[in-house]
N, C-alpha and C. Protein backbone atom coordinates (compact mmCIF):
# COMPACT_ATOMS: atom_id res chain seq x y z
N MET A 1 0.83 -1.21 0.21
CA MET A 1 0.05 -0.10 0.03
C MET A 1 0.90 1.29 0.09
N LYS A 2 2.08 1.19 0.63
CA LYS A 2 2.86 2.37 0.84
C LYS A 2 3.20 2.84 -0.60
N LYS A 3 3.66 1.67 -1.34
CA LYS A 3 4.61 1.80 -2.52
C LYS A 3 3.20 2.33 -3.36
N PHE A 4 2.10 2.15 -3.37
CA PHE A 4 0.95 2.37 -4.17
C PHE A 4 0.94 3.96 -4.02
N THR A 5 1.04 4.50 -2.70
CA THR A 5 0.50 5.73 -2.43
C THR A 5 1.57 6.52 -2.66
N GLU A 6 3.15 6.14 -2.42
CA GLU A 6 4.19 7.14 -2.96
C GLU A 6 3.92 7.18 -4.34
N TRP A 7 3.60 6.10 -5.54
CA TRP A 7 3.43 6.22 -6.79
C TRP A 7 2.16 6.97 -7.21
N TYR A 8 1.31 6.99 -6.55
CA TYR A 8 -0.06 7.88 -6.70
C TYR A 8 0.34 9.68 -6.30
N PHE A 9 1.20 9.60 -5.17
CA PHE A 9 1.43 11.19 -5.11
C PHE A 9 2.51 11.82 -6.15
N LYS A 10 3.32 10.96 -6.66
CA LYS A 10 4.48 11.37 -7.64
C LYS A 10 3.77 11.67 -8.92
N THR A 11 2.65 10.82 -9.14
CA THR A 11 1.95 10.81 -10.52
C THR A 11 1.05 12.10 -10.53
N GLN A 12 0.61 12.32 -9.58
CA GLN A 12 0.00 13.51 -9.30
C GLN A 12 0.54 14.81 -9.28
N THR A 13 1.51 14.99 -8.81
CA THR A 13 2.76 16.00 -8.80
C THR A 13 3.40 16.09 -10.09
N PHE A 14 3.32 14.89 -10.64
CA PHE A 14 4.09 14.82 -12.11
C PHE A 14 3.02 15.73 -12.99
N LEU A 15 1.93 15.33 -12.80
CA LEU A 15 0.69 15.72 -13.72
C LEU A 15 0.43 17.30 -13.82
N ILE A 16 0.82 17.75 -12.38
CA ILE A 16 0.35 19.25 -12.23
C ILE A 16 1.65 19.93 -12.67
N VAL A 17 2.82 19.33 -12.69
CA VAL A 17 3.95 20.04 -13.17
C VAL A 17 3.83 20.04 -14.65
N VAL A 18 3.53 18.84 -15.45
CA VAL A 18 3.80 18.60 -16.83
C VAL A 18 2.41 19.80 -17.37
N PHE A 19 1.26 19.95 -16.78
CA PHE A 19 0.29 20.60 -17.08
C PHE A 19 0.52 22.26 -17.00
N PHE A 20 1.14 22.45 -16.07
CA PHE A 20 1.45 23.68 -15.72
C PHE A 20 2.83 24.07 -16.81
N ALA A 21 3.80 23.36 -17.27
CA ALA A 21 4.57 23.45 -18.24
C ALA A 21 3.72 23.51 -19.76
N ILE A 22 2.81 22.88 -19.80
CA ILE A 22 2.07 23.17 -21.12
C ILE A 22 1.15 24.17 -21.39
N VAL A 23 0.73 24.81 -19.94
CA VAL A 23 -0.01 26.16 -20.16
C VAL A 23 0.90 27.28 -20.30
N VAL A 24 2.10 27.05 -19.95
CA VAL A 24 3.21 28.27 -19.99
C VAL A 24 3.52 28.30 -21.72
N ALA A 25 3.57 27.04 -22.06
CA ALA A 25 4.27 26.84 -23.60
C ALA A 25 3.24 27.29 -24.37
N ALA A 26 1.90 26.73 -23.94
CA ALA A 26 0.82 27.30 -24.95
C ALA A 26 0.47 28.95 -25.07
N ILE A 27 0.42 29.47 -23.62
CA ILE A 27 0.40 30.84 -23.77
C ILE A 27 1.63 31.74 -24.28
N PHE A 28 2.77 31.00 -24.24
CA PHE A 28 3.77 31.70 -24.77
C PHE A 28 3.79 31.74 -26.47
N PHE A 29 3.49 30.16 -26.93
CA PHE A 29 3.21 30.18 -28.31
C PHE A 29 2.15 31.12 -28.74
N GLN A 30 1.03 31.42 -28.16
CA GLN A 30 -0.33 32.25 -28.65
C GLN A 30 0.36 33.52 -28.38
N VAL A 31 0.92 34.11 -27.81
CA VAL A 31 1.70 35.41 -27.85
C VAL A 31 2.70 35.66 -28.66
N VAL A 32 3.35 34.76 -29.09
CA VAL A 32 4.20 34.88 -30.08
C VAL A 32 3.71 35.04 -31.42
N ASN A 33 2.74 34.05 -31.69
CA ASN A 33 1.80 34.33 -32.82
C ASN A 33 1.29 35.42 -32.98
N ARG A 34 0.50 35.83 -31.84
CA ARG A 34 -0.18 37.07 -31.98
C ARG A 34 0.56 38.45 -32.44
N THR A 35 1.65 38.60 -31.42
CA THR A 35 2.49 39.76 -31.56
C THR A 35 3.50 39.75 -32.74
N ILE A 36 4.26 38.46 -32.67
CA ILE A 36 5.22 38.67 -33.74
C ILE A 36 4.89 38.44 -35.14
N LEU A 37 4.05 37.51 -35.30
CA LEU A 37 3.84 36.64 -36.53
C LEU A 37 2.54 37.02 -37.26
N LYS A 38 1.45 37.97 -36.17
CA LYS A 38 0.41 38.11 -36.34
C LYS A 38 -0.81 37.46 -36.81
N ILE A 39 -0.40 36.25 -36.41
CA ILE A 39 -1.34 35.20 -36.63
C ILE A 39 -2.20 34.85 -35.32
N PRO A 40 -3.21 35.53 -34.78
CA PRO A 40 -3.95 35.16 -33.80
C PRO A 40 -4.51 33.78 -33.71
N LEU A 41 -4.24 32.75 -32.65
CA LEU A 41 -4.76 31.20 -32.50
C LEU A 41 -5.91 31.43 -31.45
N ARG A 42 -6.92 30.73 -31.52
CA ARG A 42 -7.81 30.60 -30.47
C ARG A 42 -7.48 29.06 -29.41
N TRP A 43 -6.87 28.23 -30.37
CA TRP A 43 -6.66 26.97 -29.19
C TRP A 43 -5.56 27.09 -28.09
N PRO A 44 -4.54 28.05 -28.49
CA PRO A 44 -3.47 27.89 -26.98
C PRO A 44 -4.08 28.19 -25.71
N GLU A 45 -5.25 29.62 -26.02
CA GLU A 45 -5.78 29.97 -24.72
C GLU A 45 -6.84 28.98 -24.05
N GLU A 46 -7.44 28.19 -25.13
CA GLU A 46 -8.62 27.17 -24.79
C GLU A 46 -7.73 26.41 -23.92
N LEU A 47 -6.84 25.78 -24.73
CA LEU A 47 -5.91 24.54 -23.75
C LEU A 47 -5.70 24.97 -22.71
N ALA A 48 -5.05 26.44 -22.33
CA ALA A 48 -4.32 26.59 -21.24
C ALA A 48 -5.64 26.91 -20.09
N ARG A 49 -6.65 27.40 -20.75
CA ARG A 49 -7.87 27.37 -19.76
C ARG A 49 -8.00 26.28 -19.21
N TYR A 50 -8.32 25.23 -19.98
CA TYR A 50 -8.85 23.39 -19.43
C TYR A 50 -7.76 22.97 -18.62
N LEU A 51 -6.77 23.35 -18.94
CA LEU A 51 -5.56 22.65 -17.99
C LEU A 51 -5.38 23.21 -16.73
N ILE A 52 -5.49 24.70 -16.71
CA ILE A 52 -5.53 25.30 -15.44
C ILE A 52 -6.56 25.33 -14.55
N VAL A 53 -8.04 24.70 -15.13
CA VAL A 53 -8.73 23.97 -14.29
C VAL A 53 -8.56 22.62 -13.89
N TRP A 54 -7.89 21.81 -14.38
CA TRP A 54 -7.39 20.35 -14.15
C TRP A 54 -6.20 20.48 -12.98
N ILE A 55 -5.48 21.60 -13.11
CA ILE A 55 -4.46 22.34 -12.23
C ILE A 55 -4.67 22.45 -11.19
N THR A 56 -5.79 23.14 -11.03
CA THR A 56 -6.59 23.67 -9.92
C THR A 56 -7.04 22.40 -9.03
N PHE A 57 -7.87 21.51 -9.59
CA PHE A 57 -8.48 20.32 -8.80
C PHE A 57 -7.52 19.61 -8.42
N LEU A 58 -6.62 19.26 -9.23
CA LEU A 58 -5.54 17.99 -8.69
C LEU A 58 -4.71 18.83 -7.55
N ALA A 59 -4.01 20.17 -7.80
CA ALA A 59 -3.47 20.74 -6.56
C ALA A 59 -4.37 20.88 -5.38
N SER A 60 -5.61 21.08 -5.60
CA SER A 60 -6.40 21.24 -4.27
C SER A 60 -6.48 19.83 -3.53
N VAL A 61 -6.26 18.78 -4.18
CA VAL A 61 -6.15 17.23 -3.72
C VAL A 61 -4.79 17.31 -2.92
N ALA A 62 -3.78 17.81 -3.60
CA ALA A 62 -2.44 17.42 -3.18
C ALA A 62 -2.25 18.54 -1.80
N ALA A 63 -3.26 19.56 -1.98
CA ALA A 63 -2.86 20.60 -0.52
C ALA A 63 -3.77 19.86 0.18
N LEU A 64 -4.64 19.29 0.17
CA LEU A 64 -5.58 18.60 1.22
C LEU A 64 -4.69 17.53 1.74
N ARG A 65 -4.23 16.92 1.37
CA ARG A 65 -3.22 15.62 1.47
C ARG A 65 -1.97 16.24 2.38
N ARG A 66 -1.53 17.54 2.19
CA ARG A 66 -0.42 17.97 2.92
C ARG A 66 -0.81 19.09 4.16
N GLY A 67 -2.18 19.03 4.06
CA GLY A 67 -2.82 19.89 5.43
C GLY A 67 -2.68 21.29 5.22
N ALA A 68 -2.48 21.75 3.68
CA ALA A 68 -2.10 23.00 3.32
C ALA A 68 -3.30 24.11 2.94
N MET A 69 -4.59 23.01 3.19
CA MET A 69 -5.85 23.92 2.56
C MET A 69 -6.31 24.75 3.88
N ILE A 70 -6.72 26.11 3.48
CA ILE A 70 -6.97 27.33 4.37
C ILE A 70 -8.13 26.81 5.17
N GLY A 71 -7.73 26.79 6.69
CA GLY A 71 -9.06 26.39 7.64
C GLY A 71 -8.79 27.03 8.66
N ILE A 72 -9.66 26.91 9.43
CA ILE A 72 -9.88 27.87 10.94
C ILE A 72 -9.83 26.81 11.95
N ASP A 73 -8.75 26.71 12.63
CA ASP A 73 -8.24 25.74 13.62
C ASP A 73 -8.73 26.18 15.04
N LEU A 74 -9.36 27.32 15.03
CA LEU A 74 -9.88 28.12 16.31
C LEU A 74 -10.28 27.15 17.32
N ILE A 75 -11.59 26.37 16.51
CA ILE A 75 -12.33 25.44 17.13
C ILE A 75 -11.40 24.33 17.62
N THR A 76 -10.88 23.68 16.75
CA THR A 76 -10.25 22.21 16.84
C THR A 76 -8.94 22.71 17.67
N ALA A 77 -8.22 23.69 18.18
CA ALA A 77 -7.35 23.92 18.80
C ALA A 77 -7.65 23.99 20.63
N LYS A 78 -8.96 24.14 20.77
CA LYS A 78 -9.61 24.40 21.89
C LYS A 78 -9.87 22.96 22.55
N PHE A 79 -9.67 21.80 21.72
CA PHE A 79 -9.92 20.35 22.00
C PHE A 79 -8.77 19.62 22.02
N THR A 80 -8.48 18.42 22.88
CA THR A 80 -7.69 17.87 22.84
C THR A 80 -8.18 16.36 22.95
N GLY A 81 -7.55 15.37 22.81
CA GLY A 81 -7.46 13.90 22.64
C GLY A 81 -8.60 13.62 21.85
N VAL A 82 -9.41 12.86 22.64
CA VAL A 82 -10.45 12.13 22.07
C VAL A 82 -11.45 13.20 21.17
N SER A 83 -11.81 14.04 22.07
CA SER A 83 -12.52 14.96 21.28
C SER A 83 -12.12 15.85 20.28
N GLN A 84 -10.80 16.06 20.02
CA GLN A 84 -10.02 16.80 19.08
C GLN A 84 -10.39 15.53 17.73
N VAL A 85 -10.15 14.33 18.14
CA VAL A 85 -10.00 13.33 17.00
C VAL A 85 -11.59 13.29 16.42
N CYS A 86 -12.36 13.26 17.25
CA CYS A 86 -13.73 12.92 16.88
C CYS A 86 -14.31 14.53 16.02
N LEU A 87 -13.84 15.49 16.45
CA LEU A 87 -14.13 16.56 15.55
C LEU A 87 -13.58 16.39 14.24
N LYS A 88 -12.40 16.11 14.04
CA LYS A 88 -11.58 15.74 12.83
C LYS A 88 -12.28 14.94 11.97
N VAL A 89 -12.73 13.69 12.41
CA VAL A 89 -13.20 12.69 11.88
C VAL A 89 -14.83 13.34 11.53
N PHE A 90 -15.47 14.08 12.23
CA PHE A 90 -16.54 14.80 12.03
C PHE A 90 -16.51 15.60 10.33
N GLN A 91 -15.34 16.41 10.93
CA GLN A 91 -15.15 17.15 9.63
C GLN A 91 -14.62 16.48 8.41
N ASN A 92 -14.21 15.50 8.30
CA ASN A 92 -13.66 14.80 7.43
C ASN A 92 -15.04 14.18 6.68
N VAL A 93 -15.65 13.72 7.46
CA VAL A 93 -17.30 12.71 7.07
C VAL A 93 -18.26 14.23 6.40
N VAL A 94 -17.91 15.27 6.92
CA VAL A 94 -19.08 16.18 6.29
C VAL A 94 -18.18 16.43 4.86
N ILE A 95 -17.22 16.81 4.72
CA ILE A 95 -16.28 16.94 3.57
C ILE A 95 -16.52 15.85 2.45
N ILE A 96 -16.30 14.55 2.76
CA ILE A 96 -16.50 13.50 2.26
C ILE A 96 -17.96 13.23 1.62
N ILE A 97 -18.79 13.80 2.35
CA ILE A 97 -20.36 14.01 1.93
C ILE A 97 -20.46 14.77 0.72
N PHE A 98 -19.82 16.15 0.99
CA PHE A 98 -20.09 17.06 -0.06
C PHE A 98 -19.44 16.65 -1.26
N ALA A 99 -17.99 16.18 -1.26
CA ALA A 99 -17.33 15.63 -2.49
C ALA A 99 -17.95 14.62 -3.45
N ALA A 100 -18.54 13.66 -2.30
CA ALA A 100 -19.35 12.70 -3.11
C ALA A 100 -20.51 13.10 -3.89
N VAL A 101 -21.15 14.07 -3.22
CA VAL A 101 -22.37 14.61 -3.90
C VAL A 101 -21.85 15.59 -5.25
N ILE A 102 -21.07 16.14 -4.98
CA ILE A 102 -20.42 16.79 -6.17
C ILE A 102 -19.96 15.70 -7.40
N ALA A 103 -19.02 15.13 -6.75
CA ALA A 103 -18.74 13.51 -8.03
C ALA A 103 -20.03 13.07 -8.55
N TRP A 104 -20.83 12.68 -7.97
CA TRP A 104 -22.17 12.07 -8.35
C TRP A 104 -22.89 13.04 -9.35
N ASN A 105 -22.86 14.39 -9.09
CA ASN A 105 -23.50 15.28 -9.82
C ASN A 105 -22.79 15.71 -10.99
N CYS A 106 -21.45 15.53 -11.21
CA CYS A 106 -20.67 15.68 -12.21
C CYS A 106 -20.90 14.56 -13.21
N SER A 107 -20.68 13.37 -12.53
CA SER A 107 -20.77 12.20 -13.34
C SER A 107 -22.02 12.10 -14.00
N VAL A 108 -22.83 12.71 -13.96
CA VAL A 108 -24.24 12.95 -14.45
C VAL A 108 -24.07 13.79 -15.70
N ILE A 109 -23.13 14.88 -15.49
CA ILE A 109 -22.91 15.77 -16.43
C ILE A 109 -22.12 15.39 -17.30
N VAL A 110 -21.12 14.79 -16.85
CA VAL A 110 -20.11 14.20 -17.71
C VAL A 110 -20.45 13.06 -18.93
N SER A 111 -21.42 12.28 -18.17
CA SER A 111 -22.03 11.13 -19.12
C SER A 111 -22.87 11.91 -20.31
N MET A 112 -23.54 12.86 -19.87
CA MET A 112 -24.48 13.78 -20.72
C MET A 112 -23.60 14.56 -22.12
N GLN A 113 -22.32 15.00 -21.51
CA GLN A 113 -21.62 15.40 -22.18
C GLN A 113 -20.91 14.07 -23.34
N ILE A 114 -20.77 13.14 -22.78
CA ILE A 114 -20.45 12.09 -23.61
C ILE A 114 -21.16 11.79 -24.63
N GLU A 115 -22.93 11.58 -24.21
CA GLU A 115 -23.77 11.28 -25.05
C GLU A 115 -24.04 12.19 -26.20
N THR A 116 -23.94 13.82 -25.91
CA THR A 116 -24.22 14.73 -26.40
C THR A 116 -23.15 14.99 -27.47
N GLU A 117 -22.14 14.51 -27.30
CA GLU A 117 -20.81 14.79 -27.83
C GLU A 117 -20.44 16.54 -28.42
N GLN A 118 -20.73 17.08 -27.13
CA GLN A 118 -20.35 18.57 -27.16
C GLN A 118 -19.14 18.83 -27.51
N LEU A 119 -18.52 19.52 -28.45
CA LEU A 119 -17.09 20.01 -28.40
C LEU A 119 -16.81 21.40 -28.02
N SER A 120 -15.58 21.43 -27.77
CA SER A 120 -15.26 22.92 -27.40
C SER A 120 -14.95 23.63 -28.98
N PRO A 121 -14.94 24.92 -28.67
CA PRO A 121 -14.99 25.98 -29.73
C PRO A 121 -13.77 25.58 -30.82
N ALA A 122 -12.75 25.79 -30.01
CA ALA A 122 -11.24 26.07 -30.71
C ALA A 122 -10.65 24.42 -30.56
N LEU A 123 -10.75 23.88 -29.66
CA LEU A 123 -9.74 22.39 -29.74
C LEU A 123 -10.87 21.14 -30.35
N GLN A 124 -11.94 21.53 -30.32
CA GLN A 124 -12.98 20.46 -30.77
C GLN A 124 -12.62 19.41 -29.63
N LEU A 125 -12.60 19.46 -28.52
CA LEU A 125 -12.20 18.76 -27.60
C LEU A 125 -13.75 18.40 -26.88
N ASN A 126 -14.01 17.03 -26.78
CA ASN A 126 -15.22 16.68 -26.02
C ASN A 126 -15.42 17.39 -24.72
N MET A 127 -16.54 18.01 -24.42
CA MET A 127 -16.62 18.93 -23.48
C MET A 127 -16.56 17.69 -21.99
N ALA A 128 -16.70 16.86 -21.99
CA ALA A 128 -16.64 15.70 -21.01
C ALA A 128 -15.19 16.00 -20.10
N VAL A 129 -14.13 16.12 -21.17
CA VAL A 129 -12.70 16.08 -20.57
C VAL A 129 -12.50 17.34 -19.76
N PRO A 130 -12.84 18.40 -20.00
CA PRO A 130 -12.78 19.75 -19.07
C PRO A 130 -13.61 19.24 -18.07
N TYR A 131 -14.86 18.86 -17.80
CA TYR A 131 -15.76 18.54 -16.96
C TYR A 131 -15.43 17.41 -15.74
N SER A 132 -14.84 16.60 -16.44
CA SER A 132 -14.22 15.21 -15.82
C SER A 132 -12.93 15.73 -14.61
N ALA A 133 -12.62 16.98 -14.78
CA ALA A 133 -11.66 17.04 -13.56
C ALA A 133 -12.39 17.57 -12.32
N ILE A 134 -13.66 18.06 -12.46
CA ILE A 134 -14.28 17.98 -11.14
C ILE A 134 -14.68 16.73 -10.70
N LEU A 135 -15.08 15.68 -11.44
CA LEU A 135 -15.33 14.49 -11.01
C LEU A 135 -14.17 13.66 -10.53
N VAL A 136 -12.97 13.83 -11.10
CA VAL A 136 -11.81 13.59 -10.51
C VAL A 136 -11.28 13.85 -9.38
N TRP A 137 -11.35 15.29 -9.06
CA TRP A 137 -11.45 15.71 -7.64
C TRP A 137 -12.46 15.14 -6.79
N GLY A 138 -13.63 15.06 -6.94
CA GLY A 138 -14.71 14.65 -5.75
C GLY A 138 -14.21 13.15 -5.72
N VAL A 139 -13.65 12.09 -6.63
CA VAL A 139 -13.20 10.92 -6.05
C VAL A 139 -12.11 10.83 -5.52
N LEU A 140 -11.03 11.87 -6.00
CA LEU A 140 -9.58 11.84 -5.03
C LEU A 140 -9.72 12.34 -3.84
N THR A 141 -10.83 13.54 -3.63
CA THR A 141 -10.74 13.90 -2.39
C THR A 141 -11.57 12.97 -1.37
N VAL A 142 -12.69 12.15 -1.79
CA VAL A 142 -13.30 11.14 -0.94
C VAL A 142 -11.98 10.14 -0.56
N VAL A 143 -11.52 9.67 -1.57
CA VAL A 143 -10.27 8.97 -1.28
C VAL A 143 -9.32 9.42 -0.08
N GLU A 144 -8.79 10.59 -0.44
CA GLU A 144 -7.81 11.12 0.49
C GLU A 144 -8.43 10.99 1.90
N LEU A 145 -9.68 11.87 2.11
CA LEU A 145 -10.08 11.82 3.65
C LEU A 145 -10.54 10.64 4.10
N VAL A 146 -11.09 9.55 3.13
CA VAL A 146 -10.97 8.16 3.93
C VAL A 146 -9.99 7.64 4.71
N ILE A 147 -8.65 7.77 3.79
CA ILE A 147 -7.65 7.33 4.35
C ILE A 147 -7.00 8.43 5.36
N ASP A 148 -7.28 9.58 5.46
CA ASP A 148 -7.00 10.18 6.66
C ASP A 148 -7.89 10.05 7.85
N THR A 149 -9.11 9.50 7.67
CA THR A 149 -9.87 9.59 8.58
C THR A 149 -9.43 8.03 9.33
N ILE A 150 -8.85 7.19 8.53
CA ILE A 150 -8.60 6.01 9.14
C ILE A 150 -7.15 6.08 9.76
N LEU A 151 -6.47 7.17 9.19
CA LEU A 151 -5.02 7.30 9.87
C LEU A 151 -5.49 7.82 11.43
N GLN A 152 -6.40 8.87 11.47
CA GLN A 152 -6.45 9.59 12.56
C GLN A 152 -7.41 8.57 13.65
N VAL A 153 -7.79 7.88 13.42
CA VAL A 153 -8.52 6.83 14.43
C VAL A 153 -7.31 5.78 14.75
N LYS A 154 -6.42 5.34 13.79
CA LYS A 154 -5.45 4.39 14.34
C LYS A 154 -4.55 5.24 15.13
N THR A 155 -4.30 6.24 14.54
CA THR A 155 -3.15 7.12 15.41
C THR A 155 -3.34 7.30 17.15
N HIS A 156 -4.75 7.65 16.95
CA HIS A 156 -5.23 8.06 18.25
C HIS A 156 -5.50 6.54 18.84
N THR A 157 -5.82 5.56 18.35
CA THR A 157 -5.96 4.49 19.34
C THR A 157 -4.45 3.86 19.59
N ARG A 158 -3.54 4.01 18.84
CA ARG A 158 -2.15 3.65 19.21
C ARG A 158 -1.60 4.33 20.26
N SER A 159 -2.05 5.65 19.82
CA SER A 159 -1.51 6.28 20.97
C SER A 159 -1.78 6.07 22.58
N ASN A 160 -3.41 5.85 22.43
CA ASN A 160 -4.00 5.44 23.96
C ASN A 160 -3.51 4.19 24.37
N ALA A 161 -3.29 3.28 23.45
CA ALA A 161 -2.62 2.01 23.90
C ALA A 161 -1.28 1.84 24.28
N ALA A 162 -0.30 2.98 23.86
CA ALA A 162 0.88 3.10 24.49
C ALA A 162 0.77 3.92 25.52
N GLN A 163 0.01 4.64 26.11
CA GLN A 163 -0.33 5.10 27.43
C GLN A 163 -0.93 4.26 28.18
N ALA A 164 -1.62 3.56 27.91
CA ALA A 164 -2.01 2.43 29.03
C ALA A 164 -1.03 1.62 29.18
N ARG A 165 0.02 1.37 28.43
CA ARG A 165 0.92 0.49 29.01
C ARG A 165 1.83 1.06 30.24
């Protein structure tokens, strides 16, 4: 399991970096074509826009994993021990439900996009691809928070067992 999670983390980070590099290259290409060659193109801007959407959702999952999401720990800081773990688990459950609802609704939208074959204006890309970023975010968020919840409970149980000895 540890090897899989390491591979998963590295793959996610790699995708974010590659997508960002493609965004920079596409925007640079568009600026050169528009200003120097006087040939305005629409597809680099659209490609950059869709990749930025993917970067945003993938990076938010990575930030969630690292605990770097903006949050108010004013309430959780007042609790210790079991009550703090219970509050963290409750928080995770609420976010899991939210992400699952978003993922479910987005899966309906993505399946409609696949059926209707709606294409983006410049790239002629099926619109299911950009919309699926939200679906992937929802699924990955649920997975991350389930793992975090299990680790919270295990860590607290182990620390209680060590204190009892």
